[in-house]
Amino acid sequence: MLCPDPSEPSHARAAVDRLPRELRTVLLLRIVAGLSVTRCAEVLRLTEEEVRWHQHRALDRLRANFSDR
């Protein structure tokens, strides 16, 4: 995840923390933990399509948050 200003990592963390639980969990497993879509789906008992959807929505929300700054 890219931050608008690298000196503000707490703002990035706060933005992630504000995501709904499902979106935040998928994002953290995919981006931070580096799990594949398949493995993430297995861990969360979701379909691969649902994992992709949650990740897409999470990233959209973060982009919107940072573009509003």
C-alpha atoms as a PDB file:
ATOM      1  CA  MET A   1       0.000   0.000   0.000  1.00  0.00           C
ATOM      2  CA  LEU A   2       1.328   3.439  -0.878  1.00  0.00           C
ATOM      3  CA  CYS A   3       0.944   6.409   1.425  1.00  0.00           C
ATOM      4  CA  PRO A   4       0.655   9.953   0.073  1.00  0.00           C
ATOM      5  CA  ASP A   5       3.432  10.988   2.466  1.00  0.00           C
ATOM      6  CA  PRO A   6       5.847   8.361   3.787  1.00  0.00           C
ATOM      7  CA  SER A   7       6.251  10.397   6.971  1.00  0.00           C
ATOM      8  CA  GLU A   8       2.648   9.633   7.889  1.00  0.00           C
ATOM      9  CA  PRO A   9       2.458   5.844   8.321  1.00  0.00           C
ATOM     10  CA  SER A  10       0.051   6.300  11.228  1.00  0.00           C
ATOM     11  CA  HIS A  11      -2.468   7.865   8.814  1.00  0.00           C
ATOM     12  CA  ALA A  12      -2.190   4.803   6.568  1.00  0.00           C
ATOM     13  CA  ARG A  13      -2.668   2.457   9.519  1.00  0.00           C
ATOM     14  CA  ALA A  14      -5.674   4.467  10.722  1.00  0.00           C
ATOM     15  CA  ALA A  15      -7.223   4.268   7.246  1.00  0.00           C
ATOM     16  CA  VAL A  16      -6.790   0.484   7.223  1.00  0.00           C
ATOM     17  CA  ASP A  17      -8.195   0.240  10.751  1.00  0.00           C
ATOM     18  CA  ARG A  18     -11.355   2.080   9.624  1.00  0.00           C
ATOM     19  CA  LEU A  19     -12.124  -0.507   6.957  1.00  0.00           C
ATOM     20  CA  PRO A  20     -14.934  -2.950   7.708  1.00  0.00           C
ATOM     21  CA  ARG A  21     -13.599  -6.116   9.327  1.00  0.00           C
ATOM     22  CA  GLU A  22     -14.060  -8.346   6.262  1.00  0.00           C
ATOM     23  CA  LEU A  23     -12.263  -5.930   3.936  1.00  0.00           C
ATOM     24  CA  ARG A  24      -9.469  -5.272   6.424  1.00  0.00           C
ATOM     25  CA  THR A  25      -8.888  -8.984   7.053  1.00  0.00           C
ATOM     26  CA  VAL A  26      -8.622  -9.835   3.361  1.00  0.00           C
ATOM     27  CA  LEU A  27      -6.355  -6.862   2.702  1.00  0.00           C
ATOM     28  CA  LEU A  28      -4.001  -7.759   5.540  1.00  0.00           C
ATOM     29  CA  LEU A  29      -3.840 -11.422   4.563  1.00  0.00           C
ATOM     30  CA  ARG A  30      -3.246 -10.630   0.893  1.00  0.00           C
ATOM     31  CA  ILE A  31      -0.914  -7.625   1.129  1.00  0.00           C
ATOM     32  CA  VAL A  32       0.817  -7.898   4.498  1.00  0.00           C
ATOM     33  CA  ALA A  33       0.916 -11.673   4.976  1.00  0.00           C
ATOM     34  CA  GLY A  34       1.341 -12.315   1.258  1.00  0.00           C
ATOM     35  CA  LEU A  35      -1.236 -15.090   1.003  1.00  0.00           C
ATOM     36  CA  SER A  36      -2.488 -16.086  -2.420  1.00  0.00           C
ATOM     37  CA  VAL A  37      -6.133 -15.602  -3.317  1.00  0.00           C
ATOM     38  CA  THR A  38      -6.586 -19.369  -3.083  1.00  0.00           C
ATOM     39  CA  ARG A  39      -4.988 -19.674   0.354  1.00  0.00           C
ATOM     40  CA  CYS A  40      -6.832 -16.608   1.651  1.00  0.00           C
ATOM     41  CA  ALA A  41     -10.117 -18.124   0.465  1.00  0.00           C
ATOM     42  CA  GLU A  42      -9.308 -21.370   2.273  1.00  0.00           C
ATOM     43  CA  VAL A  43      -8.388 -19.617   5.525  1.00  0.00           C
ATOM     44  CA  LEU A  44     -11.472 -17.382   5.516  1.00  0.00           C
ATOM     45  CA  ARG A  45     -13.833 -19.980   4.046  1.00  0.00           C
ATOM     46  CA  LEU A  46     -14.727 -17.673   1.178  1.00  0.00           C
ATOM     47  CA  THR A  47     -14.730 -18.207  -2.551  1.00  0.00           C
ATOM     48  CA  GLU A  48     -11.794 -16.853  -4.523  1.00  0.00           C
ATOM     49  CA  GLU A  49     -14.187 -14.395  -6.158  1.00  0.00           C
ATOM     50  CA  GLU A  50     -15.251 -13.094  -2.739  1.00  0.00           C
ATOM     51  CA  VAL A  51     -11.612 -12.611  -1.740  1.00  0.00           C
ATOM     52  CA  ARG A  52     -10.948 -10.624  -4.924  1.00  0.00           C
ATOM     53  CA  TRP A  53     -14.099  -8.559  -4.348  1.00  0.00           C
ATOM     54  CA  HIS A  54     -13.157  -7.734  -0.731  1.00  0.00           C
ATOM     55  CA  GLN A  55      -9.621  -6.809  -1.756  1.00  0.00           C
ATOM     56  CA  HIS A  56     -10.869  -4.595  -4.585  1.00  0.00           C
ATOM     57  CA  ARG A  57     -13.336  -2.798  -2.295  1.00  0.00           C
ATOM     58  CA  ALA A  58     -10.692  -2.311   0.406  1.00  0.00           C
ATOM     59  CA  LEU A  59      -8.243  -0.789  -2.054  1.00  0.00           C
ATOM     60  CA  ASP A  60     -10.972   1.431  -3.542  1.00  0.00           C
ATOM     61  CA  ARG A  61     -11.805   2.775  -0.090  1.00  0.00           C
ATOM     62  CA  LEU A  62      -8.166   3.438   0.730  1.00  0.00           C
ATOM     63  CA  ARG A  63      -7.631   5.222  -2.595  1.00  0.00           C
ATOM     64  CA  ALA A  64     -10.681   7.379  -1.932  1.00  0.00           C
ATOM     65  CA  ASN A  65      -9.452   8.149   1.575  1.00  0.00           C
ATOM     66  CA  PHE A  66      -6.060   9.305   0.334  1.00  0.00           C
ATOM     67  CA  SER A  67      -7.395  11.232  -2.656  1.00  0.00           C
ATOM     68  CA  ASP A  68      -9.661  13.239  -0.311  1.00  0.00           C
ATOM     69  CA  ARG A  69      -6.659  14.529   1.614  1.00  0.00           C
END
